[in-house]
Structure formats: structure tokens, C-alpha cells
């Protein structure tokens, strides 16, 4: 199977889960006291994965160093956006969102590595 096609399938699944998460699942997580942290940071986790797999579909890099560099820049961009929220009205800076972005980037890399080198 073509790797770009596989990345497109994974991206579509992430997009579908993101839509479900935003429309239904996040409300459910917020309703449970022990999952509020997950509910608040899940969008950042998913954003890192969305950007990483969108990049893989569009650019389809094969060099591992380029893949690491691109995911690193995606995560750095999400972290910078989190810091920018300090000065954006009605937005909140949260360290847990930074951690979620890093974890989303790391999981994306692991999945991409598995697809490329299995």
C-alpha cells in the first residue's frame, strides 16, 4: 500500500475523531471530575497529530531527519501559540496544553516511524 495513502487514511481518522471529540466527547469528559484535564488538553494533542499527518500527506518526506525536523517545528509552533495566548483576550496559557502538544508530536512520530520502517 502506498504510504501517502496510508497517511491520508490516518489523517481522515484523526479528523473524524477530532470532530466527534469537539461535538460530543469533550462535553462528556468535562462532566466527569477526573477527566477535566484530559478534556482541556485533548485538542492540543490532536492538533499536533493533525498537523503532522497533514504534512506527511502533502510533502511525503522519506528522510527520517526531515520527519523529525517537521514534527519538531509543528510542536514548537503549537508551544509558541500557547505562549501567545498570554496576550490574547479570553485565552488561557496552560502548561498541560504544552505537554499535550509534545505528547501528540511524539505519538505522531512513533506512528510515522512504524509506517515507514515496519
N, C-alpha and C. Protein backbone atom coordinates (compact mmCIF):
# COMPACT_ATOMS: atom_id res chain seq x y z
N UNK A 1 0.85 -1.18 0.00
CA UNK A 1 0.00 0.00 0.00
C UNK A 1 0.90 1.24 0.00
N UNK A 2 0.49 2.23 -0.73
CA UNK A 2 1.20 3.49 -0.82
C UNK A 2 1.20 4.18 0.55
N UNK A 3 2.37 4.62 1.01
CA UNK A 3 2.47 5.24 2.34
C UNK A 3 1.68 6.54 2.41
N UNK A 4 1.70 7.32 1.34
CA UNK A 4 0.95 8.58 1.34
C UNK A 4 -0.55 8.30 1.52
N UNK A 5 -1.04 7.26 0.88
CA UNK A 5 -2.44 6.87 1.02
C UNK A 5 -2.73 6.44 2.46
N UNK A 6 -1.82 5.70 3.06
CA UNK A 6 -1.98 5.28 4.46
C UNK A 6 -2.00 6.49 5.39
N UNK A 7 -1.11 7.46 5.13
CA UNK A 7 -1.12 8.69 5.93
C UNK A 7 -2.44 9.44 5.76
N UNK A 8 -2.98 9.44 4.54
CA UNK A 8 -4.27 10.11 4.30
C UNK A 8 -5.39 9.42 5.07
N UNK A 9 -5.35 8.10 5.15
CA UNK A 9 -6.36 7.37 5.93
C UNK A 9 -6.24 7.72 7.41
N UNK A 10 -5.00 7.71 7.91
CA UNK A 10 -4.79 8.06 9.33
C UNK A 10 -5.24 9.49 9.59
N UNK A 11 -4.91 10.41 8.67
CA UNK A 11 -5.34 11.80 8.82
C UNK A 11 -6.87 11.90 8.84
N UNK A 12 -7.53 11.17 7.97
CA UNK A 12 -9.00 11.20 7.94
C UNK A 12 -9.58 10.68 9.25
N UNK A 13 -8.99 9.63 9.80
CA UNK A 13 -9.46 9.10 11.08
C UNK A 13 -9.26 10.12 12.20
N UNK A 14 -8.13 10.82 12.18
CA UNK A 14 -7.88 11.84 13.20
C UNK A 14 -8.87 12.99 13.06
N UNK A 15 -9.16 13.39 11.82
CA UNK A 15 -10.13 14.46 11.59
C UNK A 15 -11.51 14.04 12.09
N UNK A 16 -11.90 12.81 11.79
CA UNK A 16 -13.21 12.33 12.25
C UNK A 16 -13.28 12.27 13.77
N UNK A 17 -12.21 11.78 14.41
CA UNK A 17 -12.21 11.73 15.87
C UNK A 17 -12.21 13.14 16.46
N UNK A 18 -11.50 14.05 15.83
CA UNK A 18 -11.48 15.44 16.31
C UNK A 18 -12.88 16.05 16.25
N UNK A 19 -13.58 15.81 15.16
CA UNK A 19 -14.95 16.32 15.05
C UNK A 19 -15.83 15.72 16.13
N UNK A 20 -15.74 14.41 16.33
CA UNK A 20 -16.52 13.75 17.38
C UNK A 20 -16.14 14.30 18.75
N UNK A 21 -14.84 14.48 18.97
CA UNK A 21 -14.36 14.98 20.25
C UNK A 21 -14.90 16.38 20.53
N UNK A 22 -14.87 17.24 19.55
CA UNK A 22 -15.34 18.62 19.74
C UNK A 22 -16.86 18.69 19.90
N UNK A 23 -17.59 17.84 19.19
CA UNK A 23 -19.05 17.92 19.22
C UNK A 23 -19.68 17.16 20.39
N UNK A 24 -19.06 16.06 20.84
CA UNK A 24 -19.71 15.23 21.85
C UNK A 24 -18.80 14.81 23.00
N UNK A 25 -17.66 14.20 22.66
CA UNK A 25 -16.83 13.55 23.66
C UNK A 25 -16.25 14.52 24.68
N UNK A 26 -15.90 15.72 24.25
CA UNK A 26 -15.30 16.69 25.17
C UNK A 26 -16.30 17.12 26.26
N UNK A 27 -17.57 17.29 25.89
CA UNK A 27 -18.60 17.63 26.89
C UNK A 27 -18.70 16.53 27.93
N UNK A 28 -18.64 15.30 27.46
CA UNK A 28 -18.69 14.15 28.37
C UNK A 28 -17.49 14.15 29.32
N UNK A 29 -16.30 14.40 28.78
CA UNK A 29 -15.10 14.43 29.62
C UNK A 29 -15.16 15.56 30.65
N UNK A 30 -15.67 16.71 30.25
CA UNK A 30 -15.80 17.83 31.18
C UNK A 30 -16.82 17.53 32.29
N UNK A 31 -17.76 16.66 32.02
CA UNK A 31 -18.79 16.35 33.03
C UNK A 31 -18.27 15.42 34.13
N UNK A 32 -17.13 14.82 33.89
CA UNK A 32 -16.55 13.90 34.88
C UNK A 32 -15.34 14.57 35.53
N UNK A 33 -15.34 14.71 36.86
CA UNK A 33 -14.27 15.45 37.53
C UNK A 33 -12.85 14.94 37.27
N UNK A 34 -12.67 13.65 37.13
CA UNK A 34 -11.33 13.10 36.97
C UNK A 34 -10.78 13.25 35.55
N UNK A 35 -11.59 13.63 34.60
CA UNK A 35 -11.14 13.73 33.21
C UNK A 35 -11.11 15.17 32.69
N UNK A 36 -11.26 16.14 33.57
CA UNK A 36 -11.27 17.54 33.14
C UNK A 36 -9.93 17.93 32.51
N UNK A 37 -8.83 17.45 33.06
CA UNK A 37 -7.50 17.77 32.50
C UNK A 37 -7.39 17.22 31.08
N UNK A 38 -7.85 16.01 30.88
CA UNK A 38 -7.80 15.41 29.54
C UNK A 38 -8.69 16.21 28.58
N UNK A 39 -9.88 16.58 29.03
CA UNK A 39 -10.81 17.33 28.19
C UNK A 39 -10.22 18.67 27.77
N UNK A 40 -9.50 19.31 28.68
CA UNK A 40 -8.94 20.62 28.37
C UNK A 40 -7.75 20.56 27.44
N UNK A 41 -6.99 19.47 27.47
CA UNK A 41 -5.75 19.39 26.70
C UNK A 41 -5.83 18.50 25.46
N UNK A 42 -6.88 17.74 25.32
CA UNK A 42 -7.02 16.85 24.18
C UNK A 42 -6.96 17.58 22.83
N UNK A 43 -7.54 18.77 22.69
CA UNK A 43 -7.42 19.47 21.41
C UNK A 43 -5.97 19.76 21.01
N UNK A 44 -5.11 20.06 21.98
CA UNK A 44 -3.70 20.31 21.66
C UNK A 44 -3.01 19.03 21.20
N UNK A 45 -3.32 17.93 21.86
CA UNK A 45 -2.79 16.63 21.46
C UNK A 45 -3.19 16.30 20.03
N UNK A 46 -4.47 16.49 19.73
CA UNK A 46 -4.98 16.19 18.39
C UNK A 46 -4.44 17.16 17.35
N UNK A 47 -4.23 18.43 17.72
CA UNK A 47 -3.69 19.41 16.78
C UNK A 47 -2.30 18.98 16.30
N UNK A 48 -1.46 18.54 17.22
CA UNK A 48 -0.12 18.08 16.84
C UNK A 48 -0.22 16.92 15.86
N UNK A 49 -1.12 16.01 16.11
CA UNK A 49 -1.28 14.86 15.22
C UNK A 49 -1.86 15.27 13.87
N UNK A 50 -2.84 16.17 13.88
CA UNK A 50 -3.42 16.64 12.62
C UNK A 50 -2.37 17.30 11.74
N UNK A 51 -1.60 18.22 12.31
CA UNK A 51 -0.58 18.91 11.52
C UNK A 51 0.50 17.95 11.03
N UNK A 52 0.91 17.02 11.88
CA UNK A 52 1.97 16.07 11.48
C UNK A 52 1.52 15.20 10.32
N UNK A 53 0.31 14.66 10.40
CA UNK A 53 -0.14 13.78 9.33
C UNK A 53 -0.55 14.55 8.08
N UNK A 54 -1.02 15.77 8.25
CA UNK A 54 -1.29 16.62 7.07
C UNK A 54 0.02 16.89 6.33
N UNK A 55 1.08 17.16 7.08
CA UNK A 55 2.39 17.38 6.47
C UNK A 55 2.85 16.12 5.73
N UNK A 56 2.63 14.97 6.34
CA UNK A 56 3.05 13.72 5.70
C UNK A 56 2.26 13.46 4.41
N UNK A 57 1.00 13.84 4.38
CA UNK A 57 0.20 13.65 3.17
C UNK A 57 0.65 14.64 2.09
N UNK A 58 0.90 15.88 2.48
CA UNK A 58 1.23 16.91 1.49
C UNK A 58 2.66 16.75 0.97
N UNK A 59 3.63 16.62 1.88
CA UNK A 59 5.04 16.58 1.48
C UNK A 59 5.58 15.17 1.27
N UNK A 60 5.08 14.22 2.03
CA UNK A 60 5.50 12.81 1.97
C UNK A 60 7.03 12.66 2.04
N UNK A 61 7.64 13.20 3.09
CA UNK A 61 9.10 13.07 3.21
C UNK A 61 9.48 11.63 3.54
N UNK A 62 10.63 11.20 3.04
CA UNK A 62 11.08 9.84 3.32
C UNK A 62 12.30 9.83 4.23
N UNK A 63 12.96 10.95 4.34
CA UNK A 63 14.15 11.07 5.18
C UNK A 63 13.73 11.22 6.64
N UNK A 64 14.22 10.35 7.52
CA UNK A 64 13.84 10.38 8.93
C UNK A 64 14.19 11.72 9.58
N UNK A 65 15.32 12.31 9.20
CA UNK A 65 15.72 13.60 9.78
C UNK A 65 14.71 14.69 9.42
N UNK A 66 14.21 14.66 8.20
CA UNK A 66 13.21 15.65 7.77
C UNK A 66 11.89 15.46 8.52
N UNK A 67 11.53 14.21 8.76
CA UNK A 67 10.30 13.93 9.51
C UNK A 67 10.43 14.45 10.94
N UNK A 68 11.55 14.16 11.58
CA UNK A 68 11.78 14.64 12.95
C UNK A 68 11.77 16.17 12.98
N UNK A 69 12.46 16.78 12.02
CA UNK A 69 12.52 18.25 11.96
C UNK A 69 11.13 18.86 11.78
N UNK A 70 10.32 18.28 10.90
CA UNK A 70 8.99 18.84 10.65
C UNK A 70 8.09 18.70 11.88
N UNK A 71 8.12 17.55 12.53
CA UNK A 71 7.29 17.37 13.72
C UNK A 71 7.77 18.27 14.85
N UNK A 72 9.08 18.44 14.96
CA UNK A 72 9.62 19.35 15.97
C UNK A 72 9.14 20.78 15.75
N UNK A 73 9.17 21.24 14.49
CA UNK A 73 8.69 22.59 14.20
C UNK A 73 7.18 22.73 14.43
N UNK A 74 6.43 21.69 14.15
CA UNK A 74 4.98 21.72 14.42
C UNK A 74 4.75 21.89 15.92
N UNK A 75 5.44 21.10 16.72
CA UNK A 75 5.27 21.17 18.18
C UNK A 75 5.75 22.53 18.70
N UNK A 76 6.87 23.04 18.19
CA UNK A 76 7.35 24.36 18.61
C UNK A 76 6.33 25.43 18.27
N UNK A 77 5.71 25.33 17.09
CA UNK A 77 4.67 26.29 16.71
C UNK A 77 3.48 26.24 17.65
N UNK A 78 3.06 25.05 18.03
CA UNK A 78 1.94 24.92 18.98
C UNK A 78 2.32 25.47 20.35
N UNK A 79 3.56 25.26 20.76
CA UNK A 79 4.02 25.80 22.05
C UNK A 79 4.07 27.32 22.00
N UNK A 80 4.57 27.88 20.90
CA UNK A 80 4.60 29.34 20.76
C UNK A 80 3.19 29.92 20.78
N UNK A 81 2.26 29.22 20.14
CA UNK A 81 0.87 29.67 20.18
C UNK A 81 0.33 29.66 21.60
N UNK A 82 0.72 28.66 22.36
CA UNK A 82 0.28 28.59 23.76
C UNK A 82 0.82 29.79 24.55
N UNK A 83 2.07 30.14 24.32
CA UNK A 83 2.64 31.31 24.99
C UNK A 83 1.98 32.60 24.51
N UNK A 84 1.61 32.67 23.23
CA UNK A 84 0.95 33.86 22.70
C UNK A 84 -0.41 34.08 23.35
N UNK A 85 -1.02 33.02 23.86
CA UNK A 85 -2.33 33.15 24.49
C UNK A 85 -2.30 34.01 25.75
N UNK A 86 -1.11 34.22 26.28
CA UNK A 86 -0.98 35.11 27.45
C UNK A 86 -1.52 36.49 27.10
N UNK A 87 -1.30 36.93 25.86
CA UNK A 87 -1.69 38.29 25.45
C UNK A 87 -2.96 38.33 24.61
N UNK A 88 -3.60 37.18 24.38
CA UNK A 88 -4.84 37.14 23.61
C UNK A 88 -6.02 37.17 24.57
N UNK A 89 -6.94 38.13 24.39
CA UNK A 89 -8.10 38.18 25.29
C UNK A 89 -8.92 36.89 25.24
N UNK A 90 -9.43 36.50 26.37
CA UNK A 90 -10.28 35.32 26.54
C UNK A 90 -9.57 33.99 26.26
N UNK A 91 -8.26 34.01 26.23
CA UNK A 91 -7.49 32.78 26.05
C UNK A 91 -6.68 32.54 27.31
N UNK A 92 -6.30 31.28 27.56
CA UNK A 92 -5.62 30.92 28.79
C UNK A 92 -4.36 30.12 28.46
N UNK A 93 -3.23 30.55 29.03
CA UNK A 93 -1.99 29.79 28.93
C UNK A 93 -2.09 28.60 29.88
N UNK A 94 -1.68 27.42 29.42
CA UNK A 94 -1.75 26.23 30.27
C UNK A 94 -0.58 25.31 29.94
N UNK A 95 0.21 24.98 30.94
CA UNK A 95 1.35 24.09 30.77
C UNK A 95 0.89 22.71 30.32
N UNK A 96 -0.28 22.28 30.76
CA UNK A 96 -0.80 20.96 30.36
C UNK A 96 -1.03 20.91 28.85
N UNK A 97 -1.38 22.03 28.25
CA UNK A 97 -1.54 22.06 26.80
C UNK A 97 -0.20 21.89 26.09
N UNK A 98 0.85 22.44 26.66
CA UNK A 98 2.19 22.26 26.09
C UNK A 98 2.58 20.79 26.16
N UNK A 99 2.33 20.17 27.29
CA UNK A 99 2.65 18.74 27.45
C UNK A 99 1.84 17.91 26.46
N UNK A 100 0.57 18.25 26.29
CA UNK A 100 -0.27 17.51 25.35
C UNK A 100 0.23 17.67 23.91
N UNK A 101 0.70 18.85 23.55
CA UNK A 101 1.26 19.07 22.21
C UNK A 101 2.51 18.22 22.00
N UNK A 102 3.37 18.17 23.00
CA UNK A 102 4.59 17.36 22.91
C UNK A 102 4.24 15.88 22.79
N UNK A 103 3.29 15.41 23.58
CA UNK A 103 2.88 14.01 23.51
C UNK A 103 2.23 13.68 22.16
N UNK A 104 1.44 14.60 21.64
CA UNK A 104 0.83 14.39 20.32
C UNK A 104 1.88 14.31 19.22
N UNK A 105 2.90 15.16 19.31
CA UNK A 105 4.00 15.09 18.35
C UNK A 105 4.78 13.80 18.48
N UNK A 106 5.03 13.37 19.71
CA UNK A 106 5.78 12.13 19.94
C UNK A 106 5.01 10.92 19.41
N UNK A 107 3.71 10.85 19.69
CA UNK A 107 2.91 9.73 19.19
C UNK A 107 2.85 9.76 17.66
N UNK A 108 2.74 10.93 17.09
CA UNK A 108 2.74 11.04 15.63
C UNK A 108 4.02 10.48 15.05
N UNK A 109 5.15 10.86 15.65
CA UNK A 109 6.43 10.36 15.16
C UNK A 109 6.50 8.83 15.27
N UNK A 110 6.05 8.29 16.39
CA UNK A 110 6.09 6.84 16.57
C UNK A 110 5.25 6.11 15.52
N UNK A 111 4.08 6.66 15.23
CA UNK A 111 3.22 6.05 14.21
C UNK A 111 3.87 6.16 12.83
N UNK A 112 4.41 7.33 12.52
CA UNK A 112 5.07 7.53 11.23
C UNK A 112 6.29 6.62 11.10
N UNK A 113 7.07 6.49 12.16
CA UNK A 113 8.23 5.61 12.14
C UNK A 113 7.81 4.17 11.91
N UNK A 114 6.73 3.76 12.56
CA UNK A 114 6.22 2.41 12.40
C UNK A 114 5.77 2.17 10.95
N UNK A 115 5.08 3.15 10.38
CA UNK A 115 4.62 3.01 8.99
C UNK A 115 5.81 2.93 8.03
N UNK A 116 6.83 3.75 8.26
CA UNK A 116 7.97 3.81 7.35
C UNK A 116 8.91 2.62 7.47
N UNK A 117 9.06 2.08 8.67
CA UNK A 117 10.12 1.10 8.90
C UNK A 117 9.64 -0.23 9.45
N UNK A 118 8.36 -0.55 9.29
CA UNK A 118 7.87 -1.83 9.82
C UNK A 118 8.33 -3.00 9.01
